[in-house]
């Protein structure tokens, strides 16, 4: 590539990634400093770390709450659950190298849960110290077909970077995907992931996940209405991360009333979520894939009096003898 093309590419990249409210500095060709992320603090040796990368709702672009995505770390292993819009940006903000994320679990195949997968696959392979082992993907029926389609869509780029130009390692761009149902789908080094069906009809199948490690546990609901199956799977859990919709806020939008009611019917209201939390009684209940509104919290508080956190990107939860909640300075 000619030098002037490289310079233009670098300038465009700098302009794209400059933080909101700041101006890029071109002189000296020094990239903006990357903030010290959450990863600078070690994960408790016998605990789990949960990072809510993206907590937003649905396809609309939201610059405060990015698309659905959650990272769980334990025993030196990183597991990513869903990969919605902005997942790779939030991973970078948290100080997590993209190439270190090699295991991805999908709750369902709605676009707002999967649209950042190509970036995770491709950037995680080529960015410094990138992935040298296959990206492993677990998900409901259709996941294998989707991943094969992504590989096909980017076949030119993959071939050029693997075989012709940079010669990045072939293993790092390989994909191992599998369609899964209920049951234990991952069990390695004491870290276990169990999938269970939830009720997101007419989207079938849709999954939730329970993660267990050394007596610590987290349940992720995925998208669901009130699910008795989830309540059973979540018994005894330390942290329950549950989706929700605020019906009051939803009905105040200019969307057609019929479509609004249809959307509400596919999800769990704040009040219903509070009832779920009360029945499960986790040490900490957390909203994600939910609006970050006071109304949602007050709806849940009608039924649940325990520890509760709203939906907030980069909220970080360390689960050990104590449960610690932190927010990344931004």
C-alpha atoms as a PDB file:
ATOM      1  CA  UNK A   1       0.000   0.000   0.000  1.00  0.00           C
ATOM      2  CA  UNK A   2       1.493   3.458  -0.904  1.00  0.00           C
ATOM      3  CA  UNK A   3       2.600   5.653   1.969  1.00  0.00           C
ATOM      4  CA  UNK A   4      -0.073   8.281   1.301  1.00  0.00           C
ATOM      5  CA  UNK A   5      -2.753   5.559   1.467  1.00  0.00           C
ATOM      6  CA  UNK A   6      -1.409   4.330   4.783  1.00  0.00           C
ATOM      7  CA  UNK A   7      -1.464   7.854   6.160  1.00  0.00           C
ATOM      8  CA  UNK A   8      -5.045   8.356   5.041  1.00  0.00           C
ATOM      9  CA  UNK A   9      -6.074   5.034   6.573  1.00  0.00           C
ATOM     10  CA  UNK A  10      -4.441   5.988   9.890  1.00  0.00           C
ATOM     11  CA  UNK A  11      -6.158   9.384   9.906  1.00  0.00           C
ATOM     12  CA  UNK A  12      -9.554   7.843   9.247  1.00  0.00           C
ATOM     13  CA  UNK A  13      -8.994   5.301  12.034  1.00  0.00           C
ATOM     14  CA  UNK A  14      -8.011   8.063  14.442  1.00  0.00           C
ATOM     15  CA  UNK A  15     -11.095  10.098  13.616  1.00  0.00           C
ATOM     16  CA  UNK A  16     -13.350   7.094  13.988  1.00  0.00           C
ATOM     17  CA  UNK A  17     -12.092   6.091  17.418  1.00  0.00           C
ATOM     18  CA  UNK A  18     -11.580   9.447  19.139  1.00  0.00           C
ATOM     19  CA  UNK A  19     -13.716   9.600  22.300  1.00  0.00           C
ATOM     20  CA  UNK A  20     -16.835  11.795  22.211  1.00  0.00           C
ATOM     21  CA  UNK A  21     -16.212  15.374  23.255  1.00  0.00           C
ATOM     22  CA  UNK A  22     -12.477  15.326  22.424  1.00  0.00           C
ATOM     23  CA  UNK A  23     -10.418  16.371  19.414  1.00  0.00           C
ATOM     24  CA  UNK A  24      -7.855  14.146  17.697  1.00  0.00           C
ATOM     25  CA  UNK A  25      -4.205  15.140  17.847  1.00  0.00           C
ATOM     26  CA  UNK A  26      -2.449  14.486  14.553  1.00  0.00           C
ATOM     27  CA  UNK A  27       1.029  15.908  15.256  1.00  0.00           C
ATOM     28  CA  UNK A  28       3.598  13.283  16.172  1.00  0.00           C
ATOM     29  CA  UNK A  29       1.349  10.520  14.795  1.00  0.00           C
ATOM     30  CA  UNK A  30       0.771   9.248  18.333  1.00  0.00           C
ATOM     31  CA  UNK A  31      -2.520   7.381  18.842  1.00  0.00           C
ATOM     32  CA  UNK A  32      -4.718   8.440  21.747  1.00  0.00           C
ATOM     33  CA  UNK A  33      -3.851   6.669  24.981  1.00  0.00           C
ATOM     34  CA  UNK A  34      -5.964   3.638  25.805  1.00  0.00           C
ATOM     35  CA  UNK A  35      -7.460   4.028  29.297  1.00  0.00           C
ATOM     36  CA  UNK A  36      -6.522   1.486  31.926  1.00  0.00           C
ATOM     37  CA  UNK A  37      -9.364  -1.007  31.724  1.00  0.00           C
ATOM     38  CA  UNK A  38     -11.158  -3.291  34.065  1.00  0.00           C
ATOM     39  CA  UNK A  39      -8.794  -6.100  33.109  1.00  0.00           C
ATOM     40  CA  UNK A  40      -5.964  -4.353  35.004  1.00  0.00           C
ATOM     41  CA  UNK A  41      -7.565  -5.617  38.201  1.00  0.00           C
ATOM     42  CA  UNK A  42      -7.224  -9.386  38.642  1.00  0.00           C
ATOM     43  CA  UNK A  43     -10.283 -11.586  38.722  1.00  0.00           C
ATOM     44  CA  UNK A  44     -10.765 -13.126  42.188  1.00  0.00           C
ATOM     45  CA  UNK A  45      -8.953 -16.485  42.191  1.00  0.00           C
ATOM     46  CA  UNK A  46     -12.008 -18.464  43.213  1.00  0.00           C
ATOM     47  CA  UNK A  47     -14.623 -16.137  41.757  1.00  0.00           C
ATOM     48  CA  UNK A  48     -16.387 -15.014  38.620  1.00  0.00           C
ATOM     49  CA  UNK A  49     -16.239 -11.635  36.917  1.00  0.00           C
ATOM     50  CA  UNK A  50     -19.213 -10.422  34.892  1.00  0.00           C
ATOM     51  CA  UNK A  51     -18.855  -7.395  32.599  1.00  0.00           C
ATOM     52  CA  UNK A  52     -22.019  -6.042  31.035  1.00  0.00           C
ATOM     53  CA  UNK A  53     -20.479  -4.878  27.783  1.00  0.00           C
ATOM     54  CA  UNK A  54     -23.746  -3.846  26.158  1.00  0.00           C
ATOM     55  CA  UNK A  55     -27.121  -3.565  27.854  1.00  0.00           C
ATOM     56  CA  UNK A  56     -29.259  -1.928  25.171  1.00  0.00           C
ATOM     57  CA  UNK A  57     -32.580  -3.038  23.726  1.00  0.00           C
ATOM     58  CA  UNK A  58     -33.242  -4.104  20.156  1.00  0.00           C
ATOM     59  CA  UNK A  59     -32.009  -2.867  16.775  1.00  0.00           C
ATOM     60  CA  UNK A  60     -32.146   0.937  17.350  1.00  0.00           C
ATOM     61  CA  UNK A  61     -28.740   2.614  17.619  1.00  0.00           C
ATOM     62  CA  UNK A  62     -28.142   3.716  21.213  1.00  0.00           C
ATOM     63  CA  UNK A  63     -24.901   5.554  22.000  1.00  0.00           C
ATOM     64  CA  UNK A  64     -25.285   5.105  25.755  1.00  0.00           C
ATOM     65  CA  UNK A  65     -26.350   1.458  25.897  1.00  0.00           C
ATOM     66  CA  UNK A  66     -24.731  -0.640  23.180  1.00  0.00           C
ATOM     67  CA  UNK A  67     -26.080  -3.947  21.870  1.00  0.00           C
ATOM     68  CA  UNK A  68     -26.531  -7.020  24.038  1.00  0.00           C
ATOM     69  CA  UNK A  69     -23.231  -8.600  25.073  1.00  0.00           C
ATOM     70  CA  UNK A  70     -21.813  -9.932  28.342  1.00  0.00           C
ATOM     71  CA  UNK A  71     -18.313 -11.162  29.199  1.00  0.00           C
ATOM     72  CA  UNK A  72     -17.737 -13.681  31.988  1.00  0.00           C
ATOM     73  CA  UNK A  73     -14.224 -14.474  33.239  1.00  0.00           C
ATOM     74  CA  UNK A  74     -13.106 -17.219  35.609  1.00  0.00           C
ATOM     75  CA  UNK A  75     -10.018 -19.342  36.065  1.00  0.00           C
ATOM     76  CA  UNK A  76      -8.166 -17.543  33.291  1.00  0.00           C
ATOM     77  CA  UNK A  77     -10.937 -18.245  30.758  1.00  0.00           C
ATOM     78  CA  UNK A  78     -13.055 -15.642  28.976  1.00  0.00           C
ATOM     79  CA  UNK A  79     -16.549 -16.444  27.726  1.00  0.00           C
ATOM     80  CA  UNK A  80     -18.585 -14.001  25.645  1.00  0.00           C
ATOM     81  CA  UNK A  81     -22.375 -14.231  25.636  1.00  0.00           C
ATOM     82  CA  UNK A  82     -23.971 -12.582  22.600  1.00  0.00           C
ATOM     83  CA  UNK A  83     -22.149 -10.092  20.412  1.00  0.00           C
ATOM     84  CA  UNK A  84     -24.401  -7.128  19.738  1.00  0.00           C
ATOM     85  CA  UNK A  85     -23.502  -3.787  18.217  1.00  0.00           C
ATOM     86  CA  UNK A  86     -20.442  -2.261  19.887  1.00  0.00           C
ATOM     87  CA  UNK A  87     -19.244  -5.399  21.675  1.00  0.00           C
ATOM     88  CA  UNK A  88     -15.710  -5.018  20.322  1.00  0.00           C
ATOM     89  CA  UNK A  89     -15.656  -1.329  21.320  1.00  0.00           C
ATOM     90  CA  UNK A  90     -16.694  -2.135  24.882  1.00  0.00           C
ATOM     91  CA  UNK A  91     -14.173  -4.981  25.112  1.00  0.00           C
ATOM     92  CA  UNK A  92     -11.472  -2.512  24.112  1.00  0.00           C
ATOM     93  CA  UNK A  93     -12.694   0.075  26.628  1.00  0.00           C
ATOM     94  CA  UNK A  94     -12.509  -2.614  29.305  1.00  0.00           C
ATOM     95  CA  UNK A  95      -8.922  -3.403  28.336  1.00  0.00           C
ATOM     96  CA  UNK A  96      -9.757  -6.873  26.998  1.00  0.00           C
ATOM     97  CA  UNK A  97      -7.684  -7.843  23.914  1.00  0.00           C
ATOM     98  CA  UNK A  98     -10.071  -8.974  21.181  1.00  0.00           C
ATOM     99  CA  UNK A  99      -7.840 -11.916  20.330  1.00  0.00           C
ATOM    100  CA  UNK A 100      -8.227 -13.263  23.863  1.00  0.00           C
ATOM    101  CA  UNK A 101     -11.946 -13.875  23.338  1.00  0.00           C
ATOM    102  CA  UNK A 102     -12.214 -17.242  21.636  1.00  0.00           C
ATOM    103  CA  UNK A 103     -15.476 -18.653  23.032  1.00  0.00           C
ATOM    104  CA  UNK A 104     -18.835 -17.176  22.100  1.00  0.00           C
ATOM    105  CA  UNK A 105     -22.267 -18.328  23.279  1.00  0.00           C
ATOM    106  CA  UNK A 106     -25.433 -17.058  21.574  1.00  0.00           C
ATOM    107  CA  UNK A 107     -28.849 -16.818  23.194  1.00  0.00           C
ATOM    108  CA  UNK A 108     -30.713 -16.475  19.888  1.00  0.00           C
ATOM    109  CA  UNK A 109     -30.132 -15.145  16.402  1.00  0.00           C
ATOM    110  CA  UNK A 110     -31.900 -11.782  16.395  1.00  0.00           C
ATOM    111  CA  UNK A 111     -29.601  -9.279  14.700  1.00  0.00           C
ATOM    112  CA  UNK A 112     -29.119  -7.128  17.808  1.00  0.00           C
ATOM    113  CA  UNK A 113     -27.442 -10.102  19.514  1.00  0.00           C
ATOM    114  CA  UNK A 114     -25.107 -11.150  16.697  1.00  0.00           C
ATOM    115  CA  UNK A 115     -24.300  -8.183  14.439  1.00  0.00           C
ATOM    116  CA  UNK A 116     -20.797  -7.575  15.846  1.00  0.00           C
ATOM    117  CA  UNK A 117     -19.627 -11.154  15.266  1.00  0.00           C
ATOM    118  CA  UNK A 118     -17.834 -10.316  11.977  1.00  0.00           C
ATOM    119  CA  UNK A 119     -15.751  -7.677  13.775  1.00  0.00           C
ATOM    120  CA  UNK A 120     -14.907 -10.054  16.620  1.00  0.00           C
ATOM    121  CA  UNK A 121     -13.934 -12.717  14.085  1.00  0.00           C
ATOM    122  CA  UNK A 122     -11.851 -10.490  11.812  1.00  0.00           C
ATOM    123  CA  UNK A 123     -10.392  -7.811  14.101  1.00  0.00           C
ATOM    124  CA  UNK A 124      -9.757 -10.379  16.824  1.00  0.00           C
ATOM    125  CA  UNK A 125      -7.582 -12.224  14.316  1.00  0.00           C
ATOM    126  CA  UNK A 126      -5.521  -9.360  12.869  1.00  0.00           C
ATOM    127  CA  UNK A 127      -5.140  -6.807  15.684  1.00  0.00           C
ATOM    128  CA  UNK A 128      -1.773  -7.011  17.495  1.00  0.00           C
ATOM    129  CA  UNK A 129      -1.378 -10.232  19.427  1.00  0.00           C
ATOM    130  CA  UNK A 130      -4.471 -11.508  17.685  1.00  0.00           C
ATOM    131  CA  UNK A 131      -6.256 -14.824  17.931  1.00  0.00           C
ATOM    132  CA  UNK A 132      -4.191 -17.870  16.927  1.00  0.00           C
ATOM    133  CA  UNK A 133      -6.812 -20.503  17.729  1.00  0.00           C
ATOM    134  CA  UNK A 134     -10.284 -20.985  16.210  1.00  0.00           C
ATOM    135  CA  UNK A 135     -13.250 -18.925  17.318  1.00  0.00           C
ATOM    136  CA  UNK A 136     -15.615 -21.388  18.985  1.00  0.00           C
ATOM    137  CA  UNK A 137     -19.322 -20.625  18.825  1.00  0.00           C
ATOM    138  CA  UNK A 138     -22.236 -22.272  20.624  1.00  0.00           C
ATOM    139  CA  UNK A 139     -25.804 -21.286  19.840  1.00  0.00           C
ATOM    140  CA  UNK A 140     -29.347 -22.422  19.053  1.00  0.00           C
ATOM    141  CA  UNK A 141     -30.337 -24.116  15.826  1.00  0.00           C
ATOM    142  CA  UNK A 142     -29.181 -22.025  12.877  1.00  0.00           C
ATOM    143  CA  UNK A 143     -25.925 -20.855  14.476  1.00  0.00           C
ATOM    144  CA  UNK A 144     -23.729 -23.090  12.305  1.00  0.00           C
ATOM    145  CA  UNK A 145     -25.469 -21.889   9.160  1.00  0.00           C
ATOM    146  CA  UNK A 146     -25.103 -18.247  10.200  1.00  0.00           C
ATOM    147  CA  UNK A 147     -21.393 -18.617  10.966  1.00  0.00           C
ATOM    148  CA  UNK A 148     -20.794 -20.343   7.624  1.00  0.00           C
ATOM    149  CA  UNK A 149     -22.534 -17.394   5.961  1.00  0.00           C
ATOM    150  CA  UNK A 150     -20.291 -14.894   7.763  1.00  0.00           C
ATOM    151  CA  UNK A 151     -17.194 -16.792   6.638  1.00  0.00           C
ATOM    152  CA  UNK A 152     -18.476 -16.760   3.074  1.00  0.00           C
ATOM    153  CA  UNK A 153     -19.346 -13.062   3.165  1.00  0.00           C
ATOM    154  CA  UNK A 154     -15.803 -12.147   4.211  1.00  0.00           C
ATOM    155  CA  UNK A 155     -14.017 -14.837   2.179  1.00  0.00           C
ATOM    156  CA  UNK A 156     -12.106 -12.286   0.060  1.00  0.00           C
ATOM    157  CA  UNK A 157     -10.683 -10.485   3.092  1.00  0.00           C
ATOM    158  CA  UNK A 158      -9.898 -13.776   4.811  1.00  0.00           C
ATOM    159  CA  UNK A 159      -8.123 -15.183   1.778  1.00  0.00           C
ATOM    160  CA  UNK A 160      -6.067 -12.022   1.234  1.00  0.00           C
ATOM    161  CA  UNK A 161      -4.914 -11.726   4.830  1.00  0.00           C
ATOM    162  CA  UNK A 162      -4.354 -15.452   5.361  1.00  0.00           C
ATOM    163  CA  UNK A 163      -2.875 -16.558   2.028  1.00  0.00           C
ATOM    164  CA  UNK A 164      -1.663 -13.547   0.042  1.00  0.00           C
ATOM    165  CA  UNK A 165      -0.703 -10.468   2.031  1.00  0.00           C
ATOM    166  CA  UNK A 166      -0.076 -10.469   5.789  1.00  0.00           C
ATOM    167  CA  UNK A 167      -0.135 -14.273   6.142  1.00  0.00           C
ATOM    168  CA  UNK A 168      -1.936 -14.227   9.479  1.00  0.00           C
ATOM    169  CA  UNK A 169      -2.218 -17.715  11.046  1.00  0.00           C
ATOM    170  CA  UNK A 170      -4.918 -19.818   9.430  1.00  0.00           C
ATOM    171  CA  UNK A 171      -5.999 -21.294  12.762  1.00  0.00           C
ATOM    172  CA  UNK A 172      -6.942 -17.839  14.045  1.00  0.00           C
ATOM    173  CA  UNK A 173      -9.622 -17.288  11.393  1.00  0.00           C
ATOM    174  CA  UNK A 174     -11.083 -20.783  11.617  1.00  0.00           C
ATOM    175  CA  UNK A 175     -14.558 -21.148  13.126  1.00  0.00           C
ATOM    176  CA  UNK A 176     -15.861 -24.104  15.106  1.00  0.00           C
ATOM    177  CA  UNK A 177     -19.581 -23.627  15.560  1.00  0.00           C
ATOM    178  CA  UNK A 178     -22.198 -25.966  16.919  1.00  0.00           C
ATOM    179  CA  UNK A 179     -25.962 -25.899  17.294  1.00  0.00           C
ATOM    180  CA  UNK A 180     -26.932 -26.767  20.851  1.00  0.00           C
ATOM    181  CA  UNK A 181     -29.971 -27.521  22.964  1.00  0.00           C
ATOM    182  CA  UNK A 182     -30.449 -27.758  26.697  1.00  0.00           C
ATOM    183  CA  UNK A 183     -27.775 -29.199  28.967  1.00  0.00           C
ATOM    184  CA  UNK A 184     -24.107 -28.734  29.829  1.00  0.00           C
ATOM    185  CA  UNK A 185     -22.416 -27.316  26.733  1.00  0.00           C
ATOM    186  CA  UNK A 186     -18.998 -26.378  28.181  1.00  0.00           C
ATOM    187  CA  UNK A 187     -17.073 -27.892  31.072  1.00  0.00           C
ATOM    188  CA  UNK A 188     -13.387 -27.085  31.394  1.00  0.00           C
ATOM    189  CA  UNK A 189     -11.125 -26.441  34.382  1.00  0.00           C
ATOM    190  CA  UNK A 190     -14.061 -26.322  36.760  1.00  0.00           C
ATOM    191  CA  UNK A 191     -15.886 -23.716  34.638  1.00  0.00           C
ATOM    192  CA  UNK A 192     -19.248 -25.053  33.484  1.00  0.00           C
ATOM    193  CA  UNK A 193     -21.849 -23.544  31.161  1.00  0.00           C
ATOM    194  CA  UNK A 194     -25.363 -24.971  31.078  1.00  0.00           C
ATOM    195  CA  UNK A 195     -27.892 -23.921  28.438  1.00  0.00           C
ATOM    196  CA  UNK A 196     -31.627 -23.907  29.065  1.00  0.00           C
ATOM    197  CA  UNK A 197     -34.638 -22.969  26.945  1.00  0.00           C
ATOM    198  CA  UNK A 198     -36.480 -19.695  27.598  1.00  0.00           C
ATOM    199  CA  UNK A 199     -39.721 -18.317  26.181  1.00  0.00           C
ATOM    200  CA  UNK A 200     -39.125 -15.724  23.456  1.00  0.00           C
ATOM    201  CA  UNK A 201     -41.849 -16.952  21.127  1.00  0.00           C
ATOM    202  CA  UNK A 202     -42.273 -16.715  18.245  1.00  0.00           C
ATOM    203  CA  UNK A 203     -38.441 -16.761  18.264  1.00  0.00           C
ATOM    204  CA  UNK A 204     -37.747 -20.473  18.776  1.00  0.00           C
ATOM    205  CA  UNK A 205     -35.410 -21.735  20.077  1.00  0.00           C
ATOM    206  CA  UNK A 206     -34.043 -19.121  22.464  1.00  0.00           C
ATOM    207  CA  UNK A 207     -31.608 -19.931  25.244  1.00  0.00           C
ATOM    208  CA  UNK A 208     -30.494 -18.695  28.632  1.00  0.00           C
ATOM    209  CA  UNK A 209     -27.231 -19.752  30.243  1.00  0.00           C
ATOM    210  CA  UNK A 210     -26.021 -20.618  33.717  1.00  0.00           C
ATOM    211  CA  UNK A 211     -22.289 -20.337  34.471  1.00  0.00           C
ATOM    212  CA  UNK A 212     -20.834 -22.133  37.513  1.00  0.00           C
ATOM    213  CA  UNK A 213     -17.299 -21.958  38.894  1.00  0.00           C
ATOM    214  CA  UNK A 214     -16.058 -23.136  42.308  1.00  0.00           C
ATOM    215  CA  UNK A 215     -19.406 -22.648  43.970  1.00  0.00           C
ATOM    216  CA  UNK A 216     -20.057 -19.249  42.334  1.00  0.00           C
ATOM    217  CA  UNK A 217     -22.800 -18.862  39.748  1.00  0.00           C
ATOM    218  CA  UNK A 218     -24.365 -16.452  37.277  1.00  0.00           C
ATOM    219  CA  UNK A 219     -27.506 -16.838  35.168  1.00  0.00           C
ATOM    220  CA  UNK A 220     -28.104 -14.850  31.977  1.00  0.00           C
ATOM    221  CA  UNK A 221     -31.723 -14.827  30.860  1.00  0.00           C
ATOM    222  CA  UNK A 222     -31.300 -13.943  27.216  1.00  0.00           C
ATOM    223  CA  UNK A 223     -34.501 -12.536  25.704  1.00  0.00           C
ATOM    224  CA  UNK A 224     -37.562 -14.032  27.332  1.00  0.00           C
ATOM    225  CA  UNK A 225     -41.014 -13.584  28.733  1.00  0.00           C
ATOM    226  CA  UNK A 226     -41.460 -14.859  32.281  1.00  0.00           C
ATOM    227  CA  UNK A 227     -39.930 -18.343  32.067  1.00  0.00           C
ATOM    228  CA  UNK A 228     -40.550 -21.083  34.609  1.00  0.00           C
ATOM    229  CA  UNK A 229     -37.642 -22.951  33.065  1.00  0.00           C
ATOM    230  CA  UNK A 230     -35.343 -20.030  33.860  1.00  0.00           C
ATOM    231  CA  UNK A 231     -36.636 -19.843  37.430  1.00  0.00           C
ATOM    232  CA  UNK A 232     -35.788 -23.524  37.899  1.00  0.00           C
ATOM    233  CA  UNK A 233     -32.343 -23.122  36.330  1.00  0.00           C
ATOM    234  CA  UNK A 234     -31.578 -20.076  38.491  1.00  0.00           C
ATOM    235  CA  UNK A 235     -32.243 -21.620  41.890  1.00  0.00           C
ATOM    236  CA  UNK A 236     -29.354 -20.921  44.280  1.00  0.00           C
ATOM    237  CA  UNK A 237     -27.644 -18.537  41.856  1.00  0.00           C
ATOM    238  CA  UNK A 238     -25.449 -15.690  43.094  1.00  0.00           C
ATOM    239  CA  UNK A 239     -26.215 -13.232  40.289  1.00  0.00           C
ATOM    240  CA  UNK A 240     -29.228 -13.197  37.983  1.00  0.00           C
ATOM    241  CA  UNK A 241     -28.916 -10.957  34.916  1.00  0.00           C
ATOM    242  CA  UNK A 242     -32.379 -10.567  33.422  1.00  0.00           C
ATOM    243  CA  UNK A 243     -33.820  -8.730  30.460  1.00  0.00           C
ATOM    244  CA  UNK A 244     -36.795  -6.388  30.842  1.00  0.00           C
ATOM    245  CA  UNK A 245     -38.983  -3.879  29.115  1.00  0.00           C
ATOM    246  CA  UNK A 246     -40.547  -0.788  30.650  1.00  0.00           C
ATOM    247  CA  UNK A 247     -44.137  -0.894  29.327  1.00  0.00           C
ATOM    248  CA  UNK A 248     -44.847   2.683  30.416  1.00  0.00           C
ATOM    249  CA  UNK A 249     -41.841   4.065  28.523  1.00  0.00           C
ATOM    250  CA  UNK A 250     -42.538   1.799  25.533  1.00  0.00           C
ATOM    251  CA  UNK A 251     -46.120   3.004  25.225  1.00  0.00           C
ATOM    252  CA  UNK A 252     -44.942   6.623  25.310  1.00  0.00           C
ATOM    253  CA  UNK A 253     -42.968   6.220  22.056  1.00  0.00           C
ATOM    254  CA  UNK A 254     -44.418   7.238  18.661  1.00  0.00           C
ATOM    255  CA  UNK A 255     -44.340   3.604  17.516  1.00  0.00           C
ATOM    256  CA  UNK A 256     -47.693   2.167  16.457  1.00  0.00           C
ATOM    257  CA  UNK A 257     -49.680   0.870  19.455  1.00  0.00           C
ATOM    258  CA  UNK A 258     -50.163  -2.555  17.873  1.00  0.00           C
ATOM    259  CA  UNK A 259     -46.424  -3.024  17.310  1.00  0.00           C
ATOM    260  CA  UNK A 260     -45.649  -1.735  20.792  1.00  0.00           C
ATOM    261  CA  UNK A 261     -47.957  -4.280  22.417  1.00  0.00           C
ATOM    262  CA  UNK A 262     -46.451  -7.031  20.273  1.00  0.00           C
ATOM    263  CA  UNK A 263     -42.948  -6.116  21.469  1.00  0.00           C
ATOM    264  CA  UNK A 264     -44.028  -5.905  25.100  1.00  0.00           C
ATOM    265  CA  UNK A 265     -45.584  -9.370  24.823  1.00  0.00           C
ATOM    266  CA  UNK A 266     -42.211 -10.848  23.776  1.00  0.00           C
ATOM    267  CA  UNK A 267     -40.410  -9.632  26.896  1.00  0.00           C
ATOM    268  CA  UNK A 268     -40.583  -9.387  30.697  1.00  0.00           C
ATOM    269  CA  UNK A 269     -41.956  -6.217  32.272  1.00  0.00           C
ATOM    270  CA  UNK A 270     -40.128  -4.571  35.146  1.00  0.00           C
ATOM    271  CA  UNK A 271     -42.823  -5.705  37.550  1.00  0.00           C
ATOM    272  CA  UNK A 272     -42.701  -9.278  36.250  1.00  0.00           C
ATOM    273  CA  UNK A 273     -38.907  -9.246  36.535  1.00  0.00           C
ATOM    274  CA  UNK A 274     -39.265  -8.211  40.162  1.00  0.00           C
ATOM    275  CA  UNK A 275     -41.502 -11.220  40.726  1.00  0.00           C
ATOM    276  CA  UNK A 276     -38.897 -13.468  39.091  1.00  0.00           C
ATOM    277  CA  UNK A 277     -36.155 -11.986  41.273  1.00  0.00           C
ATOM    278  CA  UNK A 278     -38.279 -12.557  44.378  1.00  0.00           C
ATOM    279  CA  UNK A 279     -38.825 -16.207  43.484  1.00  0.00           C
ATOM    280  CA  UNK A 280     -35.147 -16.851  42.695  1.00  0.00           C
ATOM    281  CA  UNK A 281     -33.757 -14.599  45.456  1.00  0.00           C
ATOM    282  CA  UNK A 282     -30.242 -14.122  44.037  1.00  0.00           C
ATOM    283  CA  UNK A 283     -27.576 -12.317  46.045  1.00  0.00           C
ATOM    284  CA  UNK A 284     -27.642  -9.690  43.280  1.00  0.00           C
ATOM    285  CA  UNK A 285     -30.240  -9.045  40.586  1.00  0.00           C
ATOM    286  CA  UNK A 286     -29.186  -7.060  37.511  1.00  0.00           C
ATOM    287  CA  UNK A 287     -31.007  -5.748  34.481  1.00  0.00           C
ATOM    288  CA  UNK A 288     -29.535  -6.014  30.995  1.00  0.00           C
ATOM    289  CA  UNK A 289     -31.099  -5.796  27.546  1.00  0.00           C
ATOM    290  CA  UNK A 290     -33.303  -3.293  29.344  1.00  0.00           C
ATOM    291  CA  UNK A 291     -33.790   0.467  29.428  1.00  0.00           C
ATOM    292  CA  UNK A 292     -31.814   2.205  32.140  1.00  0.00           C
ATOM    293  CA  UNK A 293     -34.799   4.051  33.586  1.00  0.00           C
ATOM    294  CA  UNK A 294     -35.861   4.782  37.179  1.00  0.00           C
ATOM    295  CA  UNK A 295     -39.308   3.516  36.241  1.00  0.00           C
ATOM    296  CA  UNK A 296     -38.001   0.033  35.517  1.00  0.00           C
ATOM    297  CA  UNK A 297     -36.297  -0.191  38.901  1.00  0.00           C
ATOM    298  CA  UNK A 298     -39.359   1.060  40.733  1.00  0.00           C
ATOM    299  CA  UNK A 299     -41.520  -1.499  38.940  1.00  0.00           C
ATOM    300  CA  UNK A 300     -39.199  -4.303  40.069  1.00  0.00           C
ATOM    301  CA  UNK A 301     -39.082  -2.911  43.619  1.00  0.00           C
ATOM    302  CA  UNK A 302     -42.788  -3.611  44.009  1.00  0.00           C
ATOM    303  CA  UNK A 303     -41.854  -7.270  44.481  1.00  0.00           C
ATOM    304  CA  UNK A 304     -38.090  -7.549  45.078  1.00  0.00           C
ATOM    305  CA  UNK A 305     -36.371  -5.928  48.059  1.00  0.00           C
ATOM    306  CA  UNK A 306     -32.922  -7.425  47.571  1.00  0.00           C
ATOM    307  CA  UNK A 307     -29.826  -5.960  45.960  1.00  0.00           C
ATOM    308  CA  UNK A 308     -30.639  -4.654  42.480  1.00  0.00           C
ATOM    309  CA  UNK A 309     -28.682  -2.897  39.726  1.00  0.00           C
ATOM    310  CA  UNK A 310     -29.995  -1.227  36.578  1.00  0.00           C
ATOM    311  CA  UNK A 311     -28.837  -1.843  33.012  1.00  0.00           C
ATOM    312  CA  UNK A 312     -25.526  -0.016  32.536  1.00  0.00           C
ATOM    313  CA  UNK A 313     -22.779  -0.672  30.011  1.00  0.00           C
ATOM    314  CA  UNK A 314     -19.421  -1.732  31.495  1.00  0.00           C
ATOM    315  CA  UNK A 315     -20.942  -2.462  34.882  1.00  0.00           C
ATOM    316  CA  UNK A 316     -18.507  -4.979  36.375  1.00  0.00           C
ATOM    317  CA  UNK A 317     -19.478  -7.552  38.985  1.00  0.00           C
ATOM    318  CA  UNK A 318     -16.962  -9.658  40.896  1.00  0.00           C
ATOM    319  CA  UNK A 319     -18.621 -12.668  42.491  1.00  0.00           C
ATOM    320  CA  UNK A 320     -16.710 -14.083  45.452  1.00  0.00           C
ATOM    321  CA  UNK A 321     -17.439 -14.250  49.200  1.00  0.00           C
ATOM    322  CA  UNK A 322     -18.599 -10.687  48.677  1.00  0.00           C
ATOM    323  CA  UNK A 323     -20.192  -9.371  45.503  1.00  0.00           C
ATOM    324  CA  UNK A 324     -18.461  -6.203  44.353  1.00  0.00           C
ATOM    325  CA  UNK A 325     -19.975  -3.898  41.738  1.00  0.00           C
ATOM    326  CA  UNK A 326     -17.775  -1.384  39.946  1.00  0.00           C
ATOM    327  CA  UNK A 327     -18.152   1.093  37.123  1.00  0.00           C
ATOM    328  CA  UNK A 328     -15.382   1.866  34.653  1.00  0.00           C
ATOM    329  CA  UNK A 329     -14.459   5.580  34.773  1.00  0.00           C
ATOM    330  CA  UNK A 330     -15.539   7.088  31.456  1.00  0.00           C
END
